[in-house]
Amino acid sequence: MAWAGWGAGPAGAGSAGGPSKPFLWVALLGSVVVTIVLALERSPTALLTGAAAVYFGLRASGRLGPKDPTR
C-alpha cells in the first residue's frame, strides 16, 4: 500500500503504512549530523534534534511504530 504522506490528515496518514525504512534511516542520519553540529555550537536546540534522532532510530529499527507482519 502506498504511503499517504505527511499531510494526509488523521484519516490516511497512519492507515497507509507510514514512511519507508530507507526514509527513516536517512532522517536518522540527518538528525544525528544536525545534533552534532548544534552540540558543538553549544546550542540548547541540540536536545530537540537529539530527541528526533532517538525517535527516528526507534522507528527505523522497528522498536516503535506499527509492527511489520513480514518479520
N, C-alpha and C. Protein backbone atom coordinates (compact mmCIF):
# COMPACT_ATOMS: atom_id res chain seq x y z
N MET A 1 0.85 -1.18 0.00
CA MET A 1 0.00 0.00 0.00
C MET A 1 0.89 1.24 0.00
N ALA A 2 0.55 2.22 -0.78
CA ALA A 2 1.33 3.45 -0.87
C ALA A 2 1.11 4.32 0.36
N TRP A 3 2.14 5.03 0.73
CA TRP A 3 2.06 5.91 1.88
C TRP A 3 1.34 7.19 1.48
N ALA A 4 0.42 7.65 2.34
CA ALA A 4 -0.41 8.81 2.03
C ALA A 4 0.35 10.13 2.17
N GLY A 5 1.44 10.15 2.91
CA GLY A 5 2.23 11.38 3.08
C GLY A 5 1.95 12.08 4.39
N TRP A 6 2.79 13.03 4.70
CA TRP A 6 2.69 13.73 5.98
C TRP A 6 1.40 14.52 6.11
N GLY A 7 0.91 15.12 5.05
CA GLY A 7 -0.25 15.98 5.14
C GLY A 7 -1.57 15.30 4.86
N ALA A 8 -1.63 13.99 5.01
CA ALA A 8 -2.83 13.25 4.66
C ALA A 8 -3.94 13.39 5.70
N GLY A 9 -3.62 13.86 6.88
CA GLY A 9 -4.63 14.01 7.93
C GLY A 9 -4.87 12.71 8.67
N PRO A 10 -5.71 12.74 9.69
CA PRO A 10 -5.89 11.57 10.54
C PRO A 10 -6.54 10.38 9.83
N ALA A 11 -7.22 10.60 8.74
CA ALA A 11 -7.90 9.50 8.06
C ALA A 11 -6.95 8.67 7.21
N GLY A 12 -5.82 9.24 6.77
CA GLY A 12 -4.99 8.49 5.84
C GLY A 12 -3.54 8.32 6.23
N ALA A 13 -3.00 9.18 7.06
CA ALA A 13 -1.56 9.15 7.31
C ALA A 13 -1.11 7.86 7.97
N GLY A 14 -1.73 7.45 9.03
CA GLY A 14 -1.31 6.23 9.73
C GLY A 14 -1.83 4.97 9.09
N SER A 15 -2.92 5.05 8.40
CA SER A 15 -3.53 3.84 7.86
C SER A 15 -2.86 3.36 6.58
N ALA A 16 -2.00 4.16 5.99
CA ALA A 16 -1.39 3.78 4.72
C ALA A 16 -0.01 3.15 4.88
N GLY A 17 0.44 2.90 6.10
CA GLY A 17 1.69 2.18 6.31
C GLY A 17 2.85 2.98 6.83
N GLY A 18 2.84 4.28 6.72
CA GLY A 18 3.92 5.10 7.25
C GLY A 18 5.10 5.22 6.31
N PRO A 19 6.13 5.93 6.75
CA PRO A 19 7.31 6.16 5.91
C PRO A 19 8.12 4.87 5.73
N SER A 20 8.89 4.81 4.65
CA SER A 20 9.69 3.62 4.37
C SER A 20 10.91 3.56 5.29
N LYS A 21 11.49 2.37 5.40
CA LYS A 21 12.70 2.20 6.21
C LYS A 21 13.86 3.04 5.68
N PRO A 22 14.09 3.08 4.36
CA PRO A 22 15.19 3.95 3.88
C PRO A 22 14.99 5.41 4.25
N PHE A 23 13.75 5.90 4.17
CA PHE A 23 13.48 7.28 4.57
C PHE A 23 13.81 7.49 6.04
N LEU A 24 13.44 6.54 6.89
CA LEU A 24 13.70 6.67 8.32
C LEU A 24 15.20 6.65 8.61
N TRP A 25 15.96 5.82 7.89
CA TRP A 25 17.41 5.79 8.10
C TRP A 25 18.07 7.08 7.65
N VAL A 26 17.60 7.66 6.55
CA VAL A 26 18.13 8.96 6.10
C VAL A 26 17.77 10.05 7.10
N ALA A 27 16.55 10.02 7.61
CA ALA A 27 16.13 11.00 8.61
C ALA A 27 16.96 10.86 9.88
N LEU A 28 17.26 9.63 10.26
CA LEU A 28 18.11 9.39 11.44
C LEU A 28 19.51 9.97 11.21
N LEU A 29 20.10 9.67 10.07
CA LEU A 29 21.43 10.18 9.77
C LEU A 29 21.46 11.71 9.76
N GLY A 30 20.47 12.31 9.12
CA GLY A 30 20.40 13.77 9.08
C GLY A 30 20.24 14.39 10.46
N SER A 31 19.40 13.79 11.29
CA SER A 31 19.19 14.37 12.62
C SER A 31 20.42 14.17 13.51
N VAL A 32 21.16 13.09 13.31
CA VAL A 32 22.39 12.90 14.07
C VAL A 32 23.43 13.96 13.68
N VAL A 33 23.57 14.21 12.38
CA VAL A 33 24.52 15.22 11.91
C VAL A 33 24.15 16.60 12.46
N VAL A 34 22.87 16.95 12.39
CA VAL A 34 22.44 18.25 12.91
C VAL A 34 22.65 18.33 14.42
N THR A 35 22.39 17.24 15.12
CA THR A 35 22.60 17.22 16.57
C THR A 35 24.07 17.46 16.91
N ILE A 36 24.97 16.83 16.18
CA ILE A 36 26.40 17.01 16.44
C ILE A 36 26.81 18.46 16.18
N VAL A 37 26.37 19.02 15.07
CA VAL A 37 26.72 20.41 14.75
C VAL A 37 26.20 21.35 15.83
N LEU A 38 24.95 21.17 16.24
CA LEU A 38 24.38 22.06 17.26
C LEU A 38 25.04 21.85 18.63
N ALA A 39 25.42 20.62 18.94
CA ALA A 39 26.10 20.36 20.21
C ALA A 39 27.48 21.03 20.22
N LEU A 40 28.16 21.01 19.09
CA LEU A 40 29.46 21.68 19.02
C LEU A 40 29.32 23.19 19.20
N GLU A 41 28.20 23.73 18.80
CA GLU A 41 27.93 25.16 18.98
C GLU A 41 27.31 25.45 20.35
N ARG A 42 27.12 24.42 21.15
CA ARG A 42 26.51 24.52 22.49
C ARG A 42 25.11 25.14 22.43
N SER A 43 24.36 24.76 21.43
CA SER A 43 23.00 25.25 21.27
C SER A 43 22.04 24.36 22.05
N PRO A 44 21.11 24.96 22.79
CA PRO A 44 20.13 24.15 23.51
C PRO A 44 19.19 23.39 22.57
N THR A 45 19.14 23.79 21.32
CA THR A 45 18.31 23.10 20.34
C THR A 45 18.84 21.70 20.04
N ALA A 46 20.09 21.43 20.40
CA ALA A 46 20.66 20.10 20.20
C ALA A 46 19.86 19.03 20.95
N LEU A 47 19.24 19.40 22.06
CA LEU A 47 18.41 18.44 22.80
C LEU A 47 17.21 18.02 21.97
N LEU A 48 16.61 18.95 21.28
CA LEU A 48 15.45 18.63 20.44
C LEU A 48 15.84 17.75 19.27
N THR A 49 16.93 18.09 18.60
CA THR A 49 17.35 17.27 17.46
C THR A 49 17.88 15.91 17.93
N GLY A 50 18.42 15.86 19.13
CA GLY A 50 18.83 14.58 19.71
C GLY A 50 17.62 13.70 19.97
N ALA A 51 16.55 14.31 20.45
CA ALA A 51 15.31 13.55 20.66
C ALA A 51 14.75 13.05 19.33
N ALA A 52 14.86 13.87 18.29
CA ALA A 52 14.42 13.44 16.95
C ALA A 52 15.27 12.27 16.47
N ALA A 53 16.57 12.30 16.74
CA ALA A 53 17.44 11.20 16.33
C ALA A 53 17.05 9.91 17.04
N VAL A 54 16.73 10.01 18.32
CA VAL A 54 16.28 8.82 19.06
C VAL A 54 14.98 8.30 18.47
N TYR A 55 14.04 9.20 18.19
CA TYR A 55 12.76 8.79 17.61
C TYR A 55 12.96 8.09 16.27
N PHE A 56 13.74 8.70 15.36
CA PHE A 56 13.95 8.09 14.05
C PHE A 56 14.71 6.78 14.18
N GLY A 57 15.61 6.68 15.14
CA GLY A 57 16.32 5.42 15.37
C GLY A 57 15.38 4.32 15.83
N LEU A 58 14.47 4.65 16.73
CA LEU A 58 13.50 3.66 17.19
C LEU A 58 12.55 3.25 16.08
N ARG A 59 12.13 4.21 15.26
CA ARG A 59 11.24 3.88 14.14
C ARG A 59 11.97 3.04 13.09
N ALA A 60 13.20 3.42 12.76
CA ALA A 60 13.95 2.70 11.73
C ALA A 60 14.28 1.28 12.16
N SER A 61 14.54 1.08 13.46
CA SER A 61 14.87 -0.25 13.95
C SER A 61 13.64 -1.12 14.19
N GLY A 62 12.45 -0.52 14.10
CA GLY A 62 11.22 -1.28 14.28
C GLY A 62 10.78 -1.41 15.73
N ARG A 63 11.42 -0.72 16.64
CA ARG A 63 11.04 -0.79 18.06
C ARG A 63 9.88 0.12 18.41
N LEU A 64 9.55 1.03 17.51
CA LEU A 64 8.46 1.96 17.72
C LEU A 64 7.66 2.05 16.43
N GLY A 65 6.36 2.13 16.54
CA GLY A 65 5.51 2.24 15.36
C GLY A 65 4.83 0.93 15.04
N PRO A 66 4.18 0.88 13.89
CA PRO A 66 3.46 -0.34 13.51
C PRO A 66 4.41 -1.51 13.31
N LYS A 67 3.98 -2.68 13.71
CA LYS A 67 4.80 -3.87 13.56
C LYS A 67 4.72 -4.39 12.13
N ASP A 68 5.85 -4.84 11.63
CA ASP A 68 5.94 -5.38 10.28
C ASP A 68 5.51 -6.85 10.31
N PRO A 69 4.41 -7.21 9.66
CA PRO A 69 3.94 -8.60 9.72
C PRO A 69 4.81 -9.57 8.95
N THR A 70 5.76 -9.09 8.14
CA THR A 70 6.61 -9.99 7.37
C THR A 70 7.82 -10.48 8.16
N ARG A 71 8.05 -9.96 9.37
CA ARG A 71 9.20 -10.39 10.17
C ARG A 71 8.92 -11.66 10.94
